[in-house]
C-alpha cells in the first residue's frame, strides 16, 4: 500500500523544486525588464527580444544550430532504428555486449567524447585533406544521438509479438514488407521519442560542438558562451527564455502523447 508523503517530505520536495526553478523564473522575468539591471525591476519591455531578433550573429548561430539539430536527429533516428532492430534480432550472447557498447557514449563525459571525436577528425583531415567544419559537427551530433535513439526504441521492440511478423511472412509478405507494415507501426512511438530526444540533445549541446565545429562554425550554445565571456547582456535572458519554453513545450507534447497512448492501450486490453 502506497503512503502519501508527509509534511516533511512535501516540504523537502518544495525546497528542491524552489532551488531548481527559482533561478529560471528570475531569468524569465528579467528578460522583460526595460533596463540592463539584473536586480531591479524597472518596467515591462520587449526591447531585449527585439534586439535579439535583430542581431545577425545570434540569428546565424540559431540557423546553424537548427539545421544541425534537424539533420542529426533525422539521420540518427534512421540509423538508430535499423541498429535497434538488428540488436533485437541477434542472439543474446551478441546482443548483450553490443548493447552495452552502445550505452558507452551515454555514460561517457561529454568532454571525453568531444576530444576523442576532435582527434579523430583532425587525424582523418590530415590524411584526406579536410578541416573541422559543418560536416564534422554534423557527424559528431549524429554519433552521440544514435545511442539515445536505440535506447528509446528497444523497449517497444520487446513489446512486439513475434507471431505478428511470422504471420505476415506466412501470408506472403517479404521481410522488408513485414518490417515496413508490421514492425514500424508497432515501434512508431519509440521512434518519435528517439527523434525528439535526439533533437533536444543536439540543439542543447555545447561541449562536443566546441571541439568538433572548428573556427568557422558557431552554434547557439557556443554563441551564448562567447557572449557570457564579455559583460552579460539581457539578450541572453531573452534567448534562454525562448530555449527553455521550447524544451518545455516539447516535454508537454511528449507527456500528452504518452498519456493518450496509455489510454488507448487500456481501451484495447479492456475490450
Protein backbone atom coordinates (compact mmCIF):
# COMPACT_ATOMS: atom_id res chain seq x y z
CA UNK A 1 0.00 0.00 0.00
CA UNK A 2 1.46 3.36 -1.09
CA UNK A 3 1.54 6.04 1.59
CA UNK A 4 1.22 9.72 0.81
CA UNK A 5 4.31 11.78 1.68
CA UNK A 6 4.10 13.57 5.00
CA UNK A 7 4.66 17.23 5.77
CA UNK A 8 8.45 16.96 5.86
CA UNK A 9 8.50 15.02 2.59
CA UNK A 10 6.42 17.68 0.83
CA UNK A 11 8.48 20.47 2.42
CA UNK A 12 11.76 18.83 1.31
CA UNK A 13 10.45 18.40 -2.24
CA UNK A 14 9.28 22.03 -2.30
CA UNK A 15 12.74 23.24 -1.29
CA UNK A 16 14.37 21.17 -4.04
CA UNK A 17 11.94 22.47 -6.68
CA UNK A 18 12.46 26.04 -5.46
CA UNK A 19 16.27 25.87 -5.84
CA UNK A 20 15.91 24.21 -9.24
CA UNK A 21 13.39 26.58 -10.81
CA UNK A 22 13.69 29.89 -8.94
CA UNK A 23 16.79 30.97 -10.97
CA UNK A 24 14.99 30.12 -14.21
CA UNK A 25 11.93 32.09 -13.10
CA UNK A 26 14.12 35.12 -12.27
CA UNK A 27 15.83 34.84 -15.66
CA UNK A 28 12.47 34.78 -17.47
CA UNK A 29 11.14 37.76 -15.51
CA UNK A 30 14.22 39.94 -16.12
CA UNK A 31 14.19 39.10 -19.83
CA UNK A 32 11.22 41.50 -19.95
CA UNK A 33 12.94 44.20 -17.88
CA UNK A 34 13.19 47.59 -19.56
CA UNK A 35 16.82 48.19 -18.43
CA UNK A 36 20.01 46.15 -18.21
CA UNK A 37 19.64 45.72 -14.46
CA UNK A 38 19.54 42.10 -13.27
CA UNK A 39 18.45 43.01 -9.76
CA UNK A 40 15.99 45.95 -10.04
CA UNK A 41 12.72 45.70 -11.94
CA UNK A 42 12.08 48.99 -13.79
CA UNK A 43 9.19 48.07 -16.07
CA UNK A 44 7.91 45.67 -18.70
CA UNK A 45 9.50 45.79 -22.13
CA UNK A 46 10.13 43.56 -25.17
CA UNK A 47 13.25 45.54 -26.12
CA UNK A 48 15.68 42.68 -25.50
CA UNK A 49 13.64 40.32 -27.64
CA UNK A 50 13.62 42.93 -30.41
CA UNK A 51 17.39 43.31 -30.17
CA UNK A 52 17.80 39.54 -30.08
CA UNK A 53 15.93 39.03 -33.35
CA UNK A 54 17.80 41.89 -35.00
CA UNK A 55 21.23 40.50 -34.04
CA UNK A 56 22.63 38.84 -37.17
CA UNK A 57 25.32 36.91 -35.31
CA UNK A 58 22.83 35.24 -32.98
CA UNK A 59 20.41 34.50 -35.82
CA UNK A 60 23.18 32.87 -37.89
CA UNK A 61 24.14 30.72 -34.90
CA UNK A 62 20.48 29.81 -34.39
CA UNK A 63 20.02 28.80 -38.04
CA UNK A 64 23.18 26.66 -37.90
CA UNK A 65 22.02 25.01 -34.67
CA UNK A 66 18.56 24.34 -36.07
CA UNK A 67 19.87 22.84 -39.33
CA UNK A 68 22.36 20.61 -37.49
CA UNK A 69 19.73 19.52 -34.96
CA UNK A 70 17.17 18.61 -37.64
CA UNK A 71 19.65 16.74 -39.85
CA UNK A 72 21.36 14.99 -36.92
CA UNK A 73 18.07 13.88 -35.33
CA UNK A 74 16.67 12.53 -38.62
CA UNK A 75 19.88 10.69 -39.56
CA UNK A 76 20.40 9.36 -36.02
CA UNK A 77 16.78 8.18 -35.87
CA UNK A 78 17.13 6.27 -39.14
CA UNK A 79 20.43 4.65 -38.14
CA UNK A 80 19.25 4.04 -34.57
CA UNK A 81 16.04 2.35 -35.75
CA UNK A 82 17.94 -0.03 -38.02
CA UNK A 83 20.51 -0.70 -35.27
CA UNK A 84 17.81 -1.38 -32.66
CA UNK A 85 16.05 -3.86 -34.93
CA UNK A 86 19.41 -5.52 -35.64
CA UNK A 87 20.23 -5.78 -31.92
CA UNK A 88 16.78 -7.19 -31.20
CA UNK A 89 17.14 -9.96 -33.80
CA UNK A 90 20.60 -11.01 -32.60
CA UNK A 91 21.25 -13.88 -30.26
CA UNK A 92 21.55 -12.82 -26.62
CA UNK A 93 25.27 -13.63 -26.43
CA UNK A 94 25.91 -10.99 -29.12
CA UNK A 95 23.09 -8.60 -28.25
CA UNK A 96 24.15 -8.05 -24.63
CA UNK A 97 27.76 -6.91 -25.24
CA UNK A 98 26.82 -4.81 -28.28
CA UNK A 99 24.04 -3.11 -26.33
CA UNK A 100 26.49 -2.31 -23.55
CA UNK A 101 28.93 -0.87 -26.10
CA UNK A 102 26.06 1.23 -27.48
CA UNK A 103 25.46 2.64 -23.98
CA UNK A 104 29.08 3.80 -23.50
CA UNK A 105 28.60 7.22 -25.20
CA UNK A 106 25.68 7.95 -22.86
CA UNK A 107 27.77 7.20 -19.76
CA UNK A 108 30.86 8.95 -21.10
CA UNK A 109 31.62 12.52 -20.13
CA UNK A 110 30.87 14.91 -22.98
CA UNK A 111 34.38 16.30 -22.90
CA UNK A 112 35.82 12.80 -23.45
CA UNK A 113 33.55 12.26 -26.45
CA UNK A 114 34.30 15.74 -27.80
CA UNK A 115 38.08 15.44 -27.50
CA UNK A 116 38.06 11.90 -28.95
CA UNK A 117 35.99 12.94 -31.97
CA UNK A 118 38.13 16.04 -32.44
CA UNK A 119 41.34 13.97 -32.50
CA UNK A 120 39.70 11.51 -34.92
CA UNK A 121 38.55 14.23 -37.31
CA UNK A 122 41.91 16.02 -37.18
CA UNK A 123 43.74 12.76 -37.96
CA UNK A 124 41.39 11.93 -40.82
CA UNK A 125 41.58 15.51 -42.05
CA UNK A 126 45.36 15.28 -42.27
CA UNK A 127 45.09 12.16 -44.43
CA UNK A 128 42.03 13.17 -46.50
CA UNK A 129 42.67 16.94 -46.63
CA UNK A 130 39.59 18.35 -44.92
CA UNK A 131 39.10 20.62 -41.92
CA UNK A 132 36.77 20.81 -38.98
CA UNK A 133 33.51 22.43 -40.02
CA UNK A 134 29.84 21.78 -40.62
CA UNK A 135 30.40 18.19 -41.78
CA UNK A 136 32.39 17.15 -38.72
CA UNK A 137 29.92 18.94 -36.43
CA UNK A 138 27.02 17.03 -38.01
CA UNK A 139 28.84 13.69 -37.76
CA UNK A 140 29.61 14.33 -34.10
CA UNK A 141 25.97 15.10 -33.32
CA UNK A 142 24.77 12.00 -35.17
CA UNK A 143 27.29 9.92 -33.24
CA UNK A 144 26.18 10.90 -29.75
CA UNK A 145 22.45 10.89 -30.65
CA UNK A 146 22.30 7.33 -32.00
CA UNK A 147 22.59 5.54 -28.59
CA UNK A 148 19.64 7.52 -27.21
CA UNK A 149 17.50 6.58 -30.22
CA UNK A 150 18.38 2.90 -29.77
CA UNK A 151 17.55 3.13 -26.07
CA UNK A 152 14.15 4.68 -26.87
CA UNK A 153 13.21 2.03 -29.45
CA UNK A 154 14.39 -1.17 -27.73
CA UNK A 155 11.54 -1.31 -25.15
CA UNK A 156 8.97 -1.03 -27.95
CA UNK A 157 10.63 -3.88 -29.83
CA UNK A 158 10.40 -6.08 -26.72
CA UNK A 159 6.65 -5.45 -26.62
CA UNK A 160 6.09 -6.75 -30.17
CA UNK A 161 4.51 -10.17 -30.54
CA UNK A 162 6.93 -12.06 -32.78
CA UNK A 163 3.99 -14.08 -34.09
CA UNK A 164 2.76 -10.99 -35.93
CA UNK A 165 5.88 -10.87 -38.09
CA UNK A 166 5.75 -14.63 -38.69
CA UNK A 167 2.08 -14.39 -39.64
CA UNK A 168 2.78 -11.56 -42.08
CA UNK A 169 5.55 -13.59 -43.73
CA UNK A 170 3.30 -16.68 -43.91
CA UNK A 171 0.65 -14.58 -45.67
CA UNK A 172 3.07 -13.58 -48.42
CA UNK A 173 4.95 -10.55 -47.10
CA UNK A 174 8.65 -10.30 -47.67
CA UNK A 175 10.79 -9.43 -44.65
CA UNK A 176 11.02 -5.80 -45.77
CA UNK A 177 7.25 -5.58 -46.21
CA UNK A 178 6.75 -7.07 -42.74
CA UNK A 179 9.27 -4.60 -41.36
CA UNK A 180 7.50 -1.65 -43.00
CA UNK A 181 3.89 -2.68 -42.35
CA UNK A 182 4.15 -4.54 -39.03
CA UNK A 183 7.29 -3.59 -37.10
CA UNK A 184 7.43 0.14 -37.92
CA UNK A 185 3.81 0.87 -36.86
CA UNK A 186 4.37 -1.01 -33.59
CA UNK A 187 7.57 0.84 -32.69
CA UNK A 188 6.50 4.25 -34.06
CA UNK A 189 6.07 5.79 -30.56
CA UNK A 190 9.65 4.79 -29.70
CA UNK A 191 10.90 6.23 -32.99
CA UNK A 192 9.15 9.54 -32.32
CA UNK A 193 10.51 9.63 -28.76
CA UNK A 194 14.02 8.94 -30.05
CA UNK A 195 13.66 11.67 -32.68
CA UNK A 196 12.56 14.25 -30.10
CA UNK A 197 15.30 13.25 -27.65
CA UNK A 198 17.95 13.43 -30.37
CA UNK A 199 16.70 16.85 -31.49
CA UNK A 200 16.71 18.18 -27.92
CA UNK A 201 20.20 16.86 -27.19
CA UNK A 202 21.60 18.21 -30.44
CA UNK A 203 20.16 21.70 -30.09
CA UNK A 204 21.42 21.90 -26.48
CA UNK A 205 24.95 20.52 -26.95
CA UNK A 206 27.95 22.74 -26.28
CA UNK A 207 30.99 20.66 -25.29
CA UNK A 208 31.08 18.25 -28.23
CA UNK A 209 30.20 21.06 -30.66
CA UNK A 210 33.02 23.20 -29.26
CA UNK A 211 35.62 20.54 -30.08
CA UNK A 212 34.28 19.46 -33.49
CA UNK A 213 32.92 22.63 -35.13
CA UNK A 214 36.19 24.30 -35.99
CA UNK A 215 36.73 28.05 -36.10
CA UNK A 216 34.23 28.99 -38.81
CA UNK A 217 31.04 27.42 -37.42
CA UNK A 218 29.22 28.79 -34.40
CA UNK A 219 26.23 27.10 -32.79
CA UNK A 220 23.81 28.81 -30.45
CA UNK A 221 25.25 27.35 -27.20
CA UNK A 222 28.72 28.34 -28.38
CA UNK A 223 27.47 31.85 -29.16
CA UNK A 224 25.92 32.13 -25.70
CA UNK A 225 29.21 31.04 -24.15
CA UNK A 226 31.07 33.66 -26.18
CA UNK A 227 28.60 36.32 -25.03
CA UNK A 228 28.99 35.39 -21.36
CA UNK A 229 32.77 35.84 -21.58
CA UNK A 230 32.06 39.55 -22.01
CA UNK A 231 29.55 41.55 -20.00
CA UNK A 232 26.34 39.54 -19.80
CA UNK A 233 23.67 41.14 -21.96
CA UNK A 234 19.93 40.86 -21.22
CA UNK A 235 19.66 39.38 -24.72
CA UNK A 236 20.96 36.16 -23.15
CA UNK A 237 18.00 36.21 -20.78
CA UNK A 238 15.63 36.52 -23.73
CA UNK A 239 17.42 33.78 -25.65
CA UNK A 240 17.48 31.46 -22.63
CA UNK A 241 13.77 32.06 -22.08
CA UNK A 242 12.98 31.04 -25.66
CA UNK A 243 15.10 27.88 -25.35
CA UNK A 244 13.52 26.97 -22.01
CA UNK A 245 9.99 27.43 -23.34
CA UNK A 246 10.82 25.38 -26.44
CA UNK A 247 12.05 22.47 -24.34
CA UNK A 248 9.05 22.82 -22.02
CA UNK A 249 6.65 22.62 -24.98
CA UNK A 250 8.44 19.51 -26.27
CA UNK A 251 8.13 17.86 -22.86
CA UNK A 252 4.42 18.69 -22.69
CA UNK A 253 3.91 17.20 -26.16
CA UNK A 254 5.74 14.02 -25.18
CA UNK A 255 3.82 13.62 -21.91
CA UNK A 256 0.43 14.28 -23.52
CA UNK A 257 1.19 11.78 -26.27
CA UNK A 258 2.30 9.16 -23.73
CA UNK A 259 -0.92 9.65 -21.75
CA UNK A 260 -3.02 9.20 -24.88
CA UNK A 261 -1.08 6.04 -25.79
CA UNK A 262 -1.65 4.61 -22.32
CA UNK A 263 -5.37 5.34 -22.59
CA UNK A 264 -5.54 3.61 -25.98
CA UNK A 265 -3.63 0.62 -24.56
CA UNK A 266 -6.06 0.39 -21.64
CA UNK A 267 -9.01 0.52 -24.04
CA UNK A 268 -7.53 -2.30 -26.12
CA UNK A 269 -6.87 -4.50 -23.11
CA UNK A 270 -10.32 -3.83 -21.62
CA UNK A 271 -12.15 -4.85 -24.83
